[in-house]
Structures are given as C-alpha cells and as structure tokens.
PDB file of all heavy atoms in Angstrom:
ATOM      1  N   PRO A   1     -20.494 -17.543   2.080  1.00  0.00           N
ATOM      2  CA  PRO A   1     -19.840 -16.235   2.166  1.00  0.00           C
ATOM      3  C   PRO A   1     -20.580 -15.288   3.105  1.00  0.00           C
ATOM      4  O   PRO A   1     -21.803 -15.343   3.219  1.00  0.00           O
ATOM      5  CB  PRO A   1     -19.884 -15.725   0.735  1.00  0.00           C
ATOM      6  CG  PRO A   1     -21.054 -16.411   0.131  1.00  0.00           C
ATOM      7  CD  PRO A   1     -21.147 -17.757   0.803  1.00  0.00           C
ATOM      8  N   ARG A   2     -19.814 -14.464   3.784  1.00  0.00           N
ATOM      9  CA  ARG A   2     -20.382 -13.433   4.664  1.00  0.00           C
ATOM     10  C   ARG A   2     -19.641 -12.128   4.404  1.00  0.00           C
ATOM     11  O   ARG A   2     -18.428 -12.134   4.201  1.00  0.00           O
ATOM     12  CB  ARG A   2     -20.178 -13.812   6.133  1.00  0.00           C
ATOM     13  CG  ARG A   2     -20.971 -14.999   6.553  1.00  0.00           C
ATOM     14  CD  ARG A   2     -20.848 -15.205   8.047  1.00  0.00           C
ATOM     15  NE  ARG A   2     -20.983 -16.631   8.295  1.00  0.00           N
ATOM     16  CZ  ARG A   2     -20.283 -17.305   9.176  1.00  0.00           C
ATOM     17  NH1 ARG A   2     -19.396 -16.713   9.909  1.00  0.00           N
ATOM     18  NH2 ARG A   2     -20.475 -18.587   9.325  1.00  0.00           N
ATOM     19  N   PRO A   3     -20.348 -11.005   4.432  1.00  0.00           N
ATOM     20  CA  PRO A   3     -19.637  -9.728   4.248  1.00  0.00           C
ATOM     21  C   PRO A   3     -18.754  -9.430   5.455  1.00  0.00           C
ATOM     22  O   PRO A   3     -19.118  -9.723   6.596  1.00  0.00           O
ATOM     23  CB  PRO A   3     -20.760  -8.701   4.123  1.00  0.00           C
ATOM     24  CG  PRO A   3     -21.968  -9.358   4.700  1.00  0.00           C
ATOM     25  CD  PRO A   3     -21.783 -10.841   4.548  1.00  0.00           C
ATOM     26  N   LEU A   4     -17.603  -8.872   5.175  1.00  0.00           N
ATOM     27  CA  LEU A   4     -16.676  -8.511   6.242  1.00  0.00           C
ATOM     28  C   LEU A   4     -17.040  -7.143   6.803  1.00  0.00           C
ATOM     29  O   LEU A   4     -17.497  -6.260   6.069  1.00  0.00           O
ATOM     30  CB  LEU A   4     -15.242  -8.476   5.704  1.00  0.00           C
ATOM     31  CG  LEU A   4     -14.687  -9.815   5.236  1.00  0.00           C
ATOM     32  CD1 LEU A   4     -13.321  -9.609   4.587  1.00  0.00           C
ATOM     33  CD2 LEU A   4     -14.580 -10.786   6.386  1.00  0.00           C
ATOM     34  N   PRO A   5     -16.823  -6.941   8.100  1.00  0.00           N
ATOM     35  CA  PRO A   5     -17.105  -5.617   8.669  1.00  0.00           C
ATOM     36  C   PRO A   5     -16.124  -4.580   8.115  1.00  0.00           C
ATOM     37  O   PRO A   5     -14.979  -4.889   7.825  1.00  0.00           O
ATOM     38  CB  PRO A   5     -16.909  -5.815  10.169  1.00  0.00           C
ATOM     39  CG  PRO A   5     -16.053  -7.016  10.299  1.00  0.00           C
ATOM     40  CD  PRO A   5     -16.330  -7.876   9.098  1.00  0.00           C
ATOM     41  N   ARG A   6     -16.602  -3.373   7.964  1.00  0.00           N
ATOM     42  CA  ARG A   6     -15.759  -2.293   7.457  1.00  0.00           C
ATOM     43  C   ARG A   6     -15.541  -1.265   8.542  1.00  0.00           C
ATOM     44  O   ARG A   6     -16.336  -1.136   9.460  1.00  0.00           O
ATOM     45  CB  ARG A   6     -16.427  -1.634   6.255  1.00  0.00           C
ATOM     46  CG  ARG A   6     -16.575  -2.614   5.088  1.00  0.00           C
ATOM     47  CD  ARG A   6     -17.022  -1.911   3.873  1.00  0.00           C
ATOM     48  NE  ARG A   6     -16.041  -0.875   3.558  1.00  0.00           N
ATOM     49  CZ  ARG A   6     -15.928  -0.310   2.394  1.00  0.00           C
ATOM     50  NH1 ARG A   6     -16.728  -0.659   1.439  1.00  0.00           N
ATOM     51  NH2 ARG A   6     -15.030   0.620   2.177  1.00  0.00           N
ATOM     52  N   LEU A   7     -14.465  -0.523   8.407  1.00  0.00           N
ATOM     53  CA  LEU A   7     -14.158   0.546   9.349  1.00  0.00           C
ATOM     54  C   LEU A   7     -14.560   1.886   8.754  1.00  0.00           C
ATOM     55  O   LEU A   7     -14.381   2.123   7.557  1.00  0.00           O
ATOM     56  CB  LEU A   7     -12.657   0.568   9.658  1.00  0.00           C
ATOM     57  CG  LEU A   7     -12.093  -0.645  10.381  1.00  0.00           C
ATOM     58  CD1 LEU A   7     -10.582  -0.514  10.469  1.00  0.00           C
ATOM     59  CD2 LEU A   7     -12.679  -0.759  11.774  1.00  0.00           C
ATOM     60  N   GLU A   8     -15.094   2.762   9.576  1.00  0.00           N
ATOM     61  CA  GLU A   8     -15.386   4.127   9.153  1.00  0.00           C
ATOM     62  C   GLU A   8     -14.128   4.950   9.422  1.00  0.00           C
ATOM     63  O   GLU A   8     -13.822   5.275  10.553  1.00  0.00           O
ATOM     64  CB  GLU A   8     -16.578   4.691   9.927  1.00  0.00           C
ATOM     65  CG  GLU A   8     -17.902   4.128   9.506  1.00  0.00           C
ATOM     66  CD  GLU A   8     -18.312   4.596   8.109  1.00  0.00           C
ATOM     67  OE1 GLU A   8     -17.921   5.715   7.703  1.00  0.00           O
ATOM     68  OE2 GLU A   8     -19.006   3.828   7.436  1.00  0.00           O
ATOM     69  N   LEU A   9     -13.409   5.277   8.387  1.00  0.00           N
ATOM     70  CA  LEU A   9     -12.157   6.025   8.534  1.00  0.00           C
ATOM     71  C   LEU A   9     -12.242   7.354   7.782  1.00  0.00           C
ATOM     72  O   LEU A   9     -11.287   7.778   7.133  1.00  0.00           O
ATOM     73  CB  LEU A   9     -10.980   5.185   8.033  1.00  0.00           C
ATOM     74  CG  LEU A   9     -10.751   3.851   8.753  1.00  0.00           C
ATOM     75  CD1 LEU A   9      -9.642   3.068   8.083  1.00  0.00           C
ATOM     76  CD2 LEU A   9     -10.440   4.076  10.210  1.00  0.00           C
ATOM     77  N   ASP A  10     -13.394   8.013   7.879  1.00  0.00           N
ATOM     78  CA  ASP A  10     -13.566   9.291   7.186  1.00  0.00           C
ATOM     79  C   ASP A  10     -12.619  10.361   7.716  1.00  0.00           C
ATOM     80  O   ASP A  10     -12.172  11.239   6.980  1.00  0.00           O
ATOM     81  CB  ASP A  10     -15.011   9.783   7.327  1.00  0.00           C
ATOM     82  CG  ASP A  10     -15.983   8.866   6.591  1.00  0.00           C
ATOM     83  OD1 ASP A  10     -15.551   8.205   5.630  1.00  0.00           O
ATOM     84  OD2 ASP A  10     -17.164   8.830   6.991  1.00  0.00           O
ATOM     85  N   ALA A  11     -12.283  10.294   9.003  1.00  0.00           N
ATOM     86  CA  ALA A  11     -11.392  11.285   9.607  1.00  0.00           C
ATOM     87  C   ALA A  11      -9.927  10.878   9.496  1.00  0.00           C
ATOM     88  O   ALA A  11      -9.067  11.500  10.094  1.00  0.00           O
ATOM     89  CB  ALA A  11     -11.765  11.487  11.075  1.00  0.00           C
ATOM     90  N   GLY A  12      -9.640   9.825   8.752  1.00  0.00           N
ATOM     91  CA  GLY A  12      -8.266   9.349   8.622  1.00  0.00           C
ATOM     92  C   GLY A  12      -8.038   8.109   9.473  1.00  0.00           C
ATOM     93  O   GLY A  12      -8.883   7.696  10.254  1.00  0.00           O
ATOM     94  N   VAL A  13      -6.873   7.504   9.317  1.00  0.00           N
ATOM     95  CA  VAL A  13      -6.530   6.288  10.048  1.00  0.00           C
ATOM     96  C   VAL A  13      -5.931   6.678  11.390  1.00  0.00           C
ATOM     97  O   VAL A  13      -4.939   7.405  11.446  1.00  0.00           O
ATOM     98  CB  VAL A  13      -5.528   5.436   9.245  1.00  0.00           C
ATOM     99  CG1 VAL A  13      -5.155   4.183  10.009  1.00  0.00           C
ATOM    100  CG2 VAL A  13      -6.093   5.075   7.885  1.00  0.00           C
ATOM    101  N   PRO A  14      -6.517   6.194  12.511  1.00  0.00           N
ATOM    102  CA  PRO A  14      -5.934   6.491  13.827  1.00  0.00           C
ATOM    103  C   PRO A  14      -4.540   5.870  13.954  1.00  0.00           C
ATOM    104  O   PRO A  14      -4.235   4.867  13.312  1.00  0.00           O
ATOM    105  CB  PRO A  14      -6.909   5.856  14.824  1.00  0.00           C
ATOM    106  CG  PRO A  14      -8.105   5.448  14.056  1.00  0.00           C
ATOM    107  CD  PRO A  14      -7.745   5.423  12.619  1.00  0.00           C
ATOM    108  N   SER A  15      -3.710   6.456  14.792  1.00  0.00           N
ATOM    109  CA  SER A  15      -2.323   5.990  14.913  1.00  0.00           C
ATOM    110  C   SER A  15      -2.235   4.544  15.383  1.00  0.00           C
ATOM    111  O   SER A  15      -1.321   3.820  14.990  1.00  0.00           O
ATOM    112  CB  SER A  15      -1.540   6.901  15.860  1.00  0.00           C
ATOM    113  OG  SER A  15      -2.121   6.875  17.151  1.00  0.00           O
ATOM    114  N   GLU A  16      -3.187   4.058  16.193  1.00  0.00           N
ATOM    115  CA  GLU A  16      -3.116   2.676  16.676  1.00  0.00           C
ATOM    116  C   GLU A  16      -3.497   1.661  15.594  1.00  0.00           C
ATOM    117  O   GLU A  16      -3.258   0.466  15.747  1.00  0.00           O
ATOM    118  CB  GLU A  16      -3.986   2.476  17.918  1.00  0.00           C
ATOM    119  CG  GLU A  16      -5.475   2.673  17.703  1.00  0.00           C
ATOM    120  CD  GLU A  16      -5.922   4.095  17.968  1.00  0.00           C
ATOM    121  OE1 GLU A  16      -5.085   4.987  18.191  1.00  0.00           O
ATOM    122  OE2 GLU A  16      -7.140   4.309  17.942  1.00  0.00           O
ATOM    123  N   LEU A  17      -4.060   2.111  14.471  1.00  0.00           N
ATOM    124  CA  LEU A  17      -4.428   1.212  13.379  1.00  0.00           C
ATOM    125  C   LEU A  17      -3.471   1.294  12.188  1.00  0.00           C
ATOM    126  O   LEU A  17      -3.653   0.579  11.207  1.00  0.00           O
ATOM    127  CB  LEU A  17      -5.852   1.517  12.900  1.00  0.00           C
ATOM    128  CG  LEU A  17      -6.981   1.280  13.891  1.00  0.00           C
ATOM    129  CD1 LEU A  17      -8.320   1.653  13.274  1.00  0.00           C
ATOM    130  CD2 LEU A  17      -6.995  -0.158  14.360  1.00  0.00           C
ATOM    131  N   ARG A  18      -2.473   2.135  12.261  1.00  0.00           N
ATOM    132  CA  ARG A  18      -1.557   2.292  11.129  1.00  0.00           C
ATOM    133  C   ARG A  18      -0.600   1.111  11.038  1.00  0.00           C
ATOM    134  O   ARG A  18      -0.193   0.546  12.042  1.00  0.00           O
ATOM    135  CB  ARG A  18      -0.769   3.587  11.255  1.00  0.00           C
ATOM    136  CG  ARG A  18      -1.670   4.773  11.073  1.00  0.00           C
ATOM    137  CD  ARG A  18      -0.918   6.059  11.087  1.00  0.00           C
ATOM    138  NE  ARG A  18      -1.893   7.135  11.003  1.00  0.00           N
ATOM    139  CZ  ARG A  18      -1.699   8.229  10.344  1.00  0.00           C
ATOM    140  NH1 ARG A  18      -0.564   8.452   9.754  1.00  0.00           N
ATOM    141  NH2 ARG A  18      -2.639   9.148  10.299  1.00  0.00           N
ATOM    142  N   THR A  19      -0.279   0.739   9.811  1.00  0.00           N
ATOM    143  CA  THR A  19       0.666  -0.349   9.563  1.00  0.00           C
ATOM    144  C   THR A  19       1.649   0.077   8.493  1.00  0.00           C
ATOM    145  O   THR A  19       1.452   1.072   7.793  1.00  0.00           O
ATOM    146  CB  THR A  19      -0.057  -1.622   9.085  1.00  0.00           C
ATOM    147  OG1 THR A  19      -0.759  -1.321   7.883  1.00  0.00           O
ATOM    148  CG2 THR A  19      -1.011  -2.160  10.124  1.00  0.00           C
ATOM    149  N   LEU A  20       2.677  -0.710   8.360  1.00  0.00           N
ATOM    150  CA  LEU A  20       3.683  -0.483   7.334  1.00  0.00           C
ATOM    151  C   LEU A  20       3.637  -1.667   6.386  1.00  0.00           C
ATOM    152  O   LEU A  20       3.710  -2.814   6.814  1.00  0.00           O
ATOM    153  CB  LEU A  20       5.072  -0.352   7.956  1.00  0.00           C
ATOM    154  CG  LEU A  20       6.243  -0.184   7.008  1.00  0.00           C
ATOM    155  CD1 LEU A  20       6.164   1.184   6.332  1.00  0.00           C
ATOM    156  CD2 LEU A  20       7.546  -0.299   7.762  1.00  0.00           C
ATOM    157  N   VAL A  21       3.499  -1.398   5.100  1.00  0.00           N
ATOM    158  CA  VAL A  21       3.468  -2.460   4.100  1.00  0.00           C
ATOM    159  C   VAL A  21       4.821  -2.484   3.413  1.00  0.00           C
ATOM    160  O   VAL A  21       5.303  -1.473   2.916  1.00  0.00           O
ATOM    161  CB  VAL A  21       2.349  -2.213   3.067  1.00  0.00           C
ATOM    162  CG1 VAL A  21       2.375  -3.274   1.978  1.00  0.00           C
ATOM    163  CG2 VAL A  21       1.002  -2.171   3.761  1.00  0.00           C
ATOM    164  N   VAL A  22       5.439  -3.661   3.404  1.00  0.00           N
ATOM    165  CA  VAL A  22       6.756  -3.824   2.793  1.00  0.00           C
ATOM    166  C   VAL A  22       6.597  -4.614   1.503  1.00  0.00           C
ATOM    167  O   VAL A  22       5.979  -5.672   1.486  1.00  0.00           O
ATOM    168  CB  VAL A  22       7.712  -4.562   3.754  1.00  0.00           C
ATOM    169  CG1 VAL A  22       9.056  -4.781   3.103  1.00  0.00           C
ATOM    170  CG2 VAL A  22       7.845  -3.794   5.056  1.00  0.00           C
ATOM    171  N   VAL A  23       7.140  -4.082   0.407  1.00  0.00           N
ATOM    172  CA  VAL A  23       7.099  -4.761  -0.877  1.00  0.00           C
ATOM    173  C   VAL A  23       8.538  -5.097  -1.267  1.00  0.00           C
ATOM    174  O   VAL A  23       9.309  -4.203  -1.616  1.00  0.00           O
ATOM    175  CB  VAL A  23       6.450  -3.862  -1.956  1.00  0.00           C
ATOM    176  CG1 VAL A  23       6.421  -4.574  -3.299  1.00  0.00           C
ATOM    177  CG2 VAL A  23       5.062  -3.443  -1.536  1.00  0.00           C
ATOM    178  N   PRO A  24       8.920  -6.374  -1.184  1.00  0.00           N
ATOM    179  CA  PRO A  24      10.292  -6.730  -1.579  1.00  0.00           C
ATOM    180  C   PRO A  24      10.482  -6.526  -3.083  1.00  0.00           C
ATOM    181  O   PRO A  24       9.650  -6.945  -3.885  1.00  0.00           O
ATOM    182  CB  PRO A  24      10.417  -8.205  -1.201  1.00  0.00           C
ATOM    183  CG  PRO A  24       9.049  -8.687  -0.936  1.00  0.00           C
ATOM    184  CD  PRO A  24       8.158  -7.513  -0.733  1.00  0.00           C
ATOM    185  N   THR A  25      11.540  -5.846  -3.436  1.00  0.00           N
ATOM    186  CA  THR A  25      11.786  -5.497  -4.832  1.00  0.00           C
ATOM    187  C   THR A  25      13.277  -5.568  -5.123  1.00  0.00           C
ATOM    188  O   THR A  25      14.096  -5.176  -4.299  1.00  0.00           O
ATOM    189  CB  THR A  25      11.299  -4.054  -5.107  1.00  0.00           C
ATOM    190  OG1 THR A  25       9.933  -3.960  -4.727  1.00  0.00           O
ATOM    191  CG2 THR A  25      11.430  -3.685  -6.549  1.00  0.00           C
ATOM    192  N   LEU A  26      13.609  -6.049  -6.303  1.00  0.00           N
ATOM    193  CA  LEU A  26      14.988  -6.004  -6.773  1.00  0.00           C
ATOM    194  C   LEU A  26      15.149  -4.747  -7.622  1.00  0.00           C
ATOM    195  O   LEU A  26      14.449  -4.561  -8.611  1.00  0.00           O
ATOM    196  CB  LEU A  26      15.321  -7.240  -7.607  1.00  0.00           C
ATOM    197  CG  LEU A  26      15.397  -8.550  -6.849  1.00  0.00           C
ATOM    198  CD1 LEU A  26      15.619  -9.695  -7.829  1.00  0.00           C
ATOM    199  CD2 LEU A  26      16.514  -8.515  -5.837  1.00  0.00           C
ATOM    200  N   LEU A  27      16.058  -3.894  -7.210  1.00  0.00           N
ATOM    201  CA  LEU A  27      16.315  -2.649  -7.938  1.00  0.00           C
ATOM    202  C   LEU A  27      17.472  -2.901  -8.907  1.00  0.00           C
ATOM    203  O   LEU A  27      18.632  -2.693  -8.591  1.00  0.00           O
ATOM    204  CB  LEU A  27      16.637  -1.520  -6.960  1.00  0.00           C
ATOM    205  CG  LEU A  27      15.578  -1.283  -5.879  1.00  0.00           C
ATOM    206  CD1 LEU A  27      16.042  -0.228  -4.907  1.00  0.00           C
ATOM    207  CD2 LEU A  27      14.265  -0.900  -6.510  1.00  0.00           C
ATOM    208  N   THR A  28      17.132  -3.367 -10.100  1.00  0.00           N
ATOM    209  CA  THR A  28      18.164  -3.773 -11.048  1.00  0.00           C
ATOM    210  C   THR A  28      18.460  -2.734 -12.114  1.00  0.00           C
ATOM    211  O   THR A  28      19.544  -2.720 -12.672  1.00  0.00           O
ATOM    212  CB  THR A  28      17.748  -5.083 -11.741  1.00  0.00           C
ATOM    213  OG1 THR A  28      16.480  -4.892 -12.364  1.00  0.00           O
ATOM    214  CG2 THR A  28      17.643  -6.214 -10.729  1.00  0.00           C
ATOM    215  N   SER A  29      17.476  -1.885 -12.419  1.00  0.00           N
ATOM    216  CA  SER A  29      17.706  -0.874 -13.448  1.00  0.00           C
ATOM    217  C   SER A  29      16.848   0.348 -13.138  1.00  0.00           C
ATOM    218  O   SER A  29      15.896   0.277 -12.363  1.00  0.00           O
ATOM    219  CB  SER A  29      17.335  -1.422 -14.837  1.00  0.00           C
ATOM    220  OG  SER A  29      15.950  -1.647 -14.921  1.00  0.00           O
ATOM    221  N   GLU A  30      17.185   1.446 -13.750  1.00  0.00           N
ATOM    222  CA  GLU A  30      16.432   2.672 -13.533  1.00  0.00           C
ATOM    223  C   GLU A  30      15.006   2.535 -14.063  1.00  0.00           C
ATOM    224  O   GLU A  30      14.043   3.002 -13.441  1.00  0.00           O
ATOM    225  CB  GLU A  30      17.139   3.850 -14.203  1.00  0.00           C
ATOM    226  CG  GLU A  30      16.568   5.182 -13.804  1.00  0.00           C
ATOM    227  CD  GLU A  30      17.396   6.338 -14.338  1.00  0.00           C
ATOM    228  OE1 GLU A  30      18.622   6.194 -14.461  1.00  0.00           O
ATOM    229  OE2 GLU A  30      16.787   7.386 -14.620  1.00  0.00           O
ATOM    230  N   ALA A  31      14.852   1.872 -15.201  1.00  0.00           N
ATOM    231  CA  ALA A  31      13.512   1.669 -15.759  1.00  0.00           C
ATOM    232  C   ALA A  31      12.675   0.786 -14.829  1.00  0.00           C
ATOM    233  O   ALA A  31      11.476   1.020 -14.647  1.00  0.00           O
ATOM    234  CB  ALA A  31      13.611   1.036 -17.140  1.00  0.00           C
ATOM    235  N   GLY A  32      13.301  -0.227 -14.234  1.00  0.00           N
ATOM    236  CA  GLY A  32      12.591  -1.094 -13.301  1.00  0.00           C
ATOM    237  C   GLY A  32      12.140  -0.345 -12.054  1.00  0.00           C
ATOM    238  O   GLY A  32      11.041  -0.571 -11.534  1.00  0.00           O
ATOM    239  N   ILE A  33      12.991   0.559 -11.574  1.00  0.00           N
ATOM    240  CA  ILE A  33      12.646   1.370 -10.405  1.00  0.00           C
ATOM    241  C   ILE A  33      11.467   2.284 -10.726  1.00  0.00           C
ATOM    242  O   ILE A  33      10.523   2.393  -9.943  1.00  0.00           O
ATOM    243  CB  ILE A  33      13.867   2.190  -9.934  1.00  0.00           C
ATOM    244  CG1 ILE A  33      14.963   1.256  -9.415  1.00  0.00           C
ATOM    245  CG2 ILE A  33      13.467   3.188  -8.856  1.00  0.00           C
ATOM    246  CD1 ILE A  33      16.283   1.948  -9.160  1.00  0.00           C
ATOM    247  N   GLU A  34      11.506   2.932 -11.884  1.00  0.00           N
ATOM    248  CA  GLU A  34      10.406   3.810 -12.278  1.00  0.00           C
ATOM    249  C   GLU A  34       9.101   3.034 -12.419  1.00  0.00           C
ATOM    250  O   GLU A  34       8.037   3.509 -12.013  1.00  0.00           O
ATOM    251  CB  GLU A  34      10.753   4.531 -13.580  1.00  0.00           C
ATOM    252  CG  GLU A  34      11.820   5.588 -13.408  1.00  0.00           C
ATOM    253  CD  GLU A  34      12.204   6.253 -14.720  1.00  0.00           C
ATOM    254  OE1 GLU A  34      11.474   6.053 -15.729  1.00  0.00           O
ATOM    255  OE2 GLU A  34      13.211   6.966 -14.726  1.00  0.00           O
ATOM    256  N   ALA A  35       9.169   1.819 -12.971  1.00  0.00           N
ATOM    257  CA  ALA A  35       7.970   0.993 -13.113  1.00  0.00           C
ATOM    258  C   ALA A  35       7.420   0.601 -11.742  1.00  0.00           C
ATOM    259  O   ALA A  35       6.206   0.617 -11.514  1.00  0.00           O
ATOM    260  CB  ALA A  35       8.279  -0.254 -13.934  1.00  0.00           C
ATOM    261  N   GLN A  36       8.320   0.262 -10.815  1.00  0.00           N
ATOM    262  CA  GLN A  36       7.879  -0.123  -9.467  1.00  0.00           C
ATOM    263  C   GLN A  36       7.251   1.059  -8.734  1.00  0.00           C
ATOM    264  O   GLN A  36       6.236   0.905  -8.064  1.00  0.00           O
ATOM    265  CB  GLN A  36       9.063  -0.672  -8.666  1.00  0.00           C
ATOM    266  CG  GLN A  36       8.686  -1.271  -7.347  1.00  0.00           C
ATOM    267  CD  GLN A  36       7.803  -2.492  -7.495  1.00  0.00           C
ATOM    268  OE1 GLN A  36       7.940  -3.258  -8.418  1.00  0.00           O
ATOM    269  NE2 GLN A  36       6.884  -2.665  -6.573  1.00  0.00           N
ATOM    270  N   VAL A  37       7.836   2.241  -8.855  1.00  0.00           N
ATOM    271  CA  VAL A  37       7.265   3.432  -8.218  1.00  0.00           C
ATOM    272  C   VAL A  37       5.897   3.733  -8.819  1.00  0.00           C
ATOM    273  O   VAL A  37       4.952   4.093  -8.105  1.00  0.00           O
ATOM    274  CB  VAL A  37       8.225   4.638  -8.355  1.00  0.00           C
ATOM    275  CG1 VAL A  37       7.544   5.931  -7.953  1.00  0.00           C
ATOM    276  CG2 VAL A  37       9.478   4.412  -7.529  1.00  0.00           C
ATOM    277  N   GLY A  38       5.756   3.560 -10.125  1.00  0.00           N
ATOM    278  CA  GLY A  38       4.457   3.754 -10.768  1.00  0.00           C
ATOM    279  C   GLY A  38       3.418   2.786 -10.239  1.00  0.00           C
ATOM    280  O   GLY A  38       2.267   3.157  -9.983  1.00  0.00           O
ATOM    281  N   GLN A  39       3.795   1.525 -10.039  1.00  0.00           N
ATOM    282  CA  GLN A  39       2.881   0.524  -9.482  1.00  0.00           C
ATOM    283  C   GLN A  39       2.484   0.882  -8.053  1.00  0.00           C
ATOM    284  O   GLN A  39       1.326   0.744  -7.675  1.00  0.00           O
ATOM    285  CB  GLN A  39       3.520  -0.856  -9.514  1.00  0.00           C
ATOM    286  CG  GLN A  39       3.402  -1.560 -10.838  1.00  0.00           C
ATOM    287  CD  GLN A  39       1.956  -1.796 -11.214  1.00  0.00           C
ATOM    288  OE1 GLN A  39       1.437  -1.132 -12.099  1.00  0.00           O
ATOM    289  NE2 GLN A  39       1.286  -2.715 -10.556  1.00  0.00           N
ATOM    290  N   LEU A  40       3.458   1.343  -7.261  1.00  0.00           N
ATOM    291  CA  LEU A  40       3.140   1.744  -5.886  1.00  0.00           C
ATOM    292  C   LEU A  40       2.149   2.896  -5.867  1.00  0.00           C
ATOM    293  O   LEU A  40       1.238   2.935  -5.040  1.00  0.00           O
ATOM    294  CB  LEU A  40       4.421   2.129  -5.140  1.00  0.00           C
ATOM    295  CG  LEU A  40       5.334   0.980  -4.735  1.00  0.00           C
ATOM    296  CD1 LEU A  40       6.643   1.530  -4.179  1.00  0.00           C
ATOM    297  CD2 LEU A  40       4.657   0.089  -3.723  1.00  0.00           C
ATOM    298  N   GLU A  41       2.317   3.843  -6.790  1.00  0.00           N
ATOM    299  CA  GLU A  41       1.393   4.982  -6.865  1.00  0.00           C
ATOM    300  C   GLU A  41      -0.007   4.516  -7.244  1.00  0.00           C
ATOM    301  O   GLU A  41      -0.999   4.966  -6.676  1.00  0.00           O
ATOM    302  CB  GLU A  41       1.908   6.003  -7.875  1.00  0.00           C
ATOM    303  CG  GLU A  41       1.057   7.242  -7.944  1.00  0.00           C
ATOM    304  CD  GLU A  41       1.594   8.269  -8.933  1.00  0.00           C
ATOM    305  OE1 GLU A  41       2.532   7.954  -9.685  1.00  0.00           O
ATOM    306  OE2 GLU A  41       1.053   9.375  -8.950  1.00  0.00           O
ATOM    307  N   VAL A  42      -0.091   3.577  -8.190  1.00  0.00           N
ATOM    308  CA  VAL A  42      -1.398   3.050  -8.597  1.00  0.00           C
ATOM    309  C   VAL A  42      -2.075   2.350  -7.419  1.00  0.00           C
ATOM    310  O   VAL A  42      -3.266   2.544  -7.161  1.00  0.00           O
ATOM    311  CB  VAL A  42      -1.238   2.082  -9.794  1.00  0.00           C
ATOM    312  CG1 VAL A  42      -2.512   1.295 -10.043  1.00  0.00           C
ATOM    313  CG2 VAL A  42      -0.846   2.843 -11.035  1.00  0.00           C
ATOM    314  N   HIS A  43      -1.314   1.552  -6.660  1.00  0.00           N
ATOM    315  CA  HIS A  43      -1.884   0.865  -5.492  1.00  0.00           C
ATOM    316  C   HIS A  43      -2.335   1.869  -4.431  1.00  0.00           C
ATOM    317  O   HIS A  43      -3.377   1.699  -3.813  1.00  0.00           O
ATOM    318  CB  HIS A  43      -0.870  -0.118  -4.894  1.00  0.00           C
ATOM    319  CG  HIS A  43      -0.643  -1.324  -5.730  1.00  0.00           C
ATOM    320  ND1 HIS A  43      -1.650  -2.216  -6.028  1.00  0.00           N
ATOM    321  CD2 HIS A  43       0.465  -1.800  -6.338  1.00  0.00           C
ATOM    322  CE1 HIS A  43      -1.158  -3.188  -6.784  1.00  0.00           C
ATOM    323  NE2 HIS A  43       0.120  -2.958  -6.984  1.00  0.00           N
TER     324      HIS A  43
END
C-alpha cells in the first residue's frame, strides 16, 4: 500500500477540477424520494 496524493482545496474546487456525480435512482414513492434526498445530504 502507498498513500495517495491529496489536493489542497482550502479555497474551494477550481472550475477545471469540478465534476458531476450521477446517482441512478428509481423514484417510486414520496417516502423513497425523501430517503434518497436524505442520503444525498449525508454524503
């Protein structure tokens, strides 16, 4: 094992390093949507 290099992002993420994370989800019920939004907030 080797430690991975880290980025110093104290001033925020520069625009050239920004990404979009897509989480595929089935929106089947209102309770399921609320649970998924809660999980996204925790992440």
